[in-house]
Amino acid sequence: MVFGATGYIGGRLVPELVRAGHRVRAVVRNPAKLDEVPWRDRVEIVTADVRDPEVDHAVSRHHLRRHGTQHHRRRRAAAG
């Protein structure tokens, strides 16, 4: 999952990930900005604004499903 896939870093990272054979989910506020990129048809495009609290909640749920609760426990313990 790459947030800001239309930005400077994301716009360079996504094609590299695609070339390396990764399955990429590109998160953008305006999917029309991807109309001209050659890799558009090889990624899953998600329209979302990371400033929206619902997006933060959805990403947290996805992360928890994918990595389990151990990751969160370790992060909390490391933070003190």
C-alpha atoms as a PDB file:
ATOM      1  CA  MET A   1       0.000   0.000   0.000  1.00  0.00           C
ATOM      2  CA  VAL A   2       1.552   3.272  -1.136  1.00  0.00           C
ATOM      3  CA  PHE A   3      -0.011   6.490   0.090  1.00  0.00           C
ATOM      4  CA  GLY A   4       0.601   9.503  -2.122  1.00  0.00           C
ATOM      5  CA  ALA A   5       1.159   7.526  -5.294  1.00  0.00           C
ATOM      6  CA  THR A   6       0.783  10.717  -7.350  1.00  0.00           C
ATOM      7  CA  GLY A   7       3.412  12.582  -5.341  1.00  0.00           C
ATOM      8  CA  TYR A   8       7.148  12.891  -5.882  1.00  0.00           C
ATOM      9  CA  ILE A   9       8.239   9.824  -3.898  1.00  0.00           C
ATOM     10  CA  GLY A  10       5.150   7.679  -4.443  1.00  0.00           C
ATOM     11  CA  GLY A  11       5.198   8.354  -8.170  1.00  0.00           C
ATOM     12  CA  ARG A  12       8.702   6.909  -8.347  1.00  0.00           C
ATOM     13  CA  LEU A  13       8.194   4.124  -5.814  1.00  0.00           C
ATOM     14  CA  VAL A  14       5.077   2.552  -7.356  1.00  0.00           C
ATOM     15  CA  PRO A  15       6.617   1.744 -10.774  1.00  0.00           C
ATOM     16  CA  GLU A  16       9.682   0.262  -9.066  1.00  0.00           C
ATOM     17  CA  LEU A  17       7.485  -1.982  -6.923  1.00  0.00           C
ATOM     18  CA  VAL A  18       5.483  -3.029  -9.997  1.00  0.00           C
ATOM     19  CA  ARG A  19       8.698  -3.811 -11.915  1.00  0.00           C
ATOM     20  CA  ALA A  20       9.890  -5.906  -8.982  1.00  0.00           C
ATOM     21  CA  GLY A  21       6.708  -7.986  -9.213  1.00  0.00           C
ATOM     22  CA  HIS A  22       4.925  -6.689  -6.110  1.00  0.00           C
ATOM     23  CA  ARG A  23       1.174  -6.353  -5.897  1.00  0.00           C
ATOM     24  CA  VAL A  24       0.616  -2.640  -5.296  1.00  0.00           C
ATOM     25  CA  ARG A  25      -2.333  -0.772  -3.852  1.00  0.00           C
ATOM     26  CA  ALA A  26      -1.931   2.926  -4.718  1.00  0.00           C
ATOM     27  CA  VAL A  27      -3.831   5.326  -2.461  1.00  0.00           C
ATOM     28  CA  VAL A  28      -4.575   8.720  -4.011  1.00  0.00           C
ATOM     29  CA  ARG A  29      -6.931  11.634  -3.447  1.00  0.00           C
ATOM     30  CA  ASN A  30      -7.440  12.229  -7.172  1.00  0.00           C
ATOM     31  CA  PRO A  31      -7.240   9.103  -9.364  1.00  0.00           C
ATOM     32  CA  ALA A  32      -7.438  11.238 -12.537  1.00  0.00           C
ATOM     33  CA  LYS A  33      -3.806  12.206 -11.862  1.00  0.00           C
ATOM     34  CA  LEU A  34      -2.896   8.609 -12.740  1.00  0.00           C
ATOM     35  CA  ASP A  35      -4.565   8.658 -16.166  1.00  0.00           C
ATOM     36  CA  GLU A  36      -1.269   9.028 -18.021  1.00  0.00           C
ATOM     37  CA  VAL A  37       1.010   6.741 -15.985  1.00  0.00           C
ATOM     38  CA  PRO A  38       2.019   3.538 -17.801  1.00  0.00           C
ATOM     39  CA  TRP A  39       1.539   1.337 -14.724  1.00  0.00           C
ATOM     40  CA  ARG A  40      -2.050   2.380 -13.953  1.00  0.00           C
ATOM     41  CA  ASP A  41      -3.576  -0.913 -15.113  1.00  0.00           C
ATOM     42  CA  ARG A  42      -1.145  -2.974 -13.033  1.00  0.00           C
ATOM     43  CA  VAL A  43      -2.045  -1.542  -9.618  1.00  0.00           C
ATOM     44  CA  GLU A  44      -5.135  -1.397  -7.473  1.00  0.00           C
ATOM     45  CA  ILE A  45      -6.162   2.241  -7.105  1.00  0.00           C
ATOM     46  CA  VAL A  46      -7.871   3.374  -3.920  1.00  0.00           C
ATOM     47  CA  THR A  47      -9.315   6.863  -3.652  1.00  0.00           C
ATOM     48  CA  ALA A  48      -8.894   8.196  -0.123  1.00  0.00           C
ATOM     49  CA  ASP A  49      -7.623  11.180   1.826  1.00  0.00           C
ATOM     50  CA  VAL A  50      -5.227  10.261   4.636  1.00  0.00           C
ATOM     51  CA  ARG A  51      -6.482  13.270   6.603  1.00  0.00           C
ATOM     52  CA  ASP A  52      -9.867  11.524   6.927  1.00  0.00           C
ATOM     53  CA  PRO A  53     -10.130   9.743  10.321  1.00  0.00           C
ATOM     54  CA  GLU A  54     -12.017   6.870   8.668  1.00  0.00           C
ATOM     55  CA  VAL A  55      -8.998   6.160   6.463  1.00  0.00           C
ATOM     56  CA  ASP A  56      -6.751   5.994   9.529  1.00  0.00           C
ATOM     57  CA  HIS A  57      -9.182   3.577  11.159  1.00  0.00           C
ATOM     58  CA  ALA A  58      -9.388   1.379   8.049  1.00  0.00           C
ATOM     59  CA  VAL A  59      -5.594   1.250   7.699  1.00  0.00           C
ATOM     60  CA  SER A  60      -5.222   0.333  11.374  1.00  0.00           C
ATOM     61  CA  ARG A  61      -7.727  -2.514  10.960  1.00  0.00           C
ATOM     62  CA  HIS A  62      -5.892  -3.750   7.862  1.00  0.00           C
ATOM     63  CA  HIS A  63      -2.532  -3.587   9.647  1.00  0.00           C
ATOM     64  CA  LEU A  64      -3.926  -5.481  12.640  1.00  0.00           C
ATOM     65  CA  ARG A  65      -5.421  -8.176  10.409  1.00  0.00           C
ATOM     66  CA  ARG A  66      -2.197  -8.499   8.460  1.00  0.00           C
ATOM     67  CA  HIS A  67       0.341  -8.362  11.270  1.00  0.00           C
ATOM     68  CA  GLY A  68      -1.617  -9.336  14.366  1.00  0.00           C
ATOM     69  CA  THR A  69      -1.544  -7.786  17.800  1.00  0.00           C
ATOM     70  CA  GLN A  70       2.083  -8.671  18.589  1.00  0.00           C
ATOM     71  CA  HIS A  71       3.326  -5.743  16.522  1.00  0.00           C
ATOM     72  CA  HIS A  72       1.155  -3.296  18.486  1.00  0.00           C
ATOM     73  CA  ARG A  73       2.242  -4.747  21.824  1.00  0.00           C
ATOM     74  CA  ARG A  74       5.921  -4.417  20.871  1.00  0.00           C
ATOM     75  CA  ARG A  75       5.409  -0.824  19.728  1.00  0.00           C
ATOM     76  CA  ARG A  76       3.656   0.112  22.963  1.00  0.00           C
ATOM     77  CA  ALA A  77       6.355  -1.557  25.062  1.00  0.00           C
ATOM     78  CA  ALA A  78       9.106   0.233  23.130  1.00  0.00           C
ATOM     79  CA  ALA A  79       7.358   3.576  23.601  1.00  0.00           C
ATOM     80  CA  GLY A  80       7.338   3.083  27.368  1.00  0.00           C
END
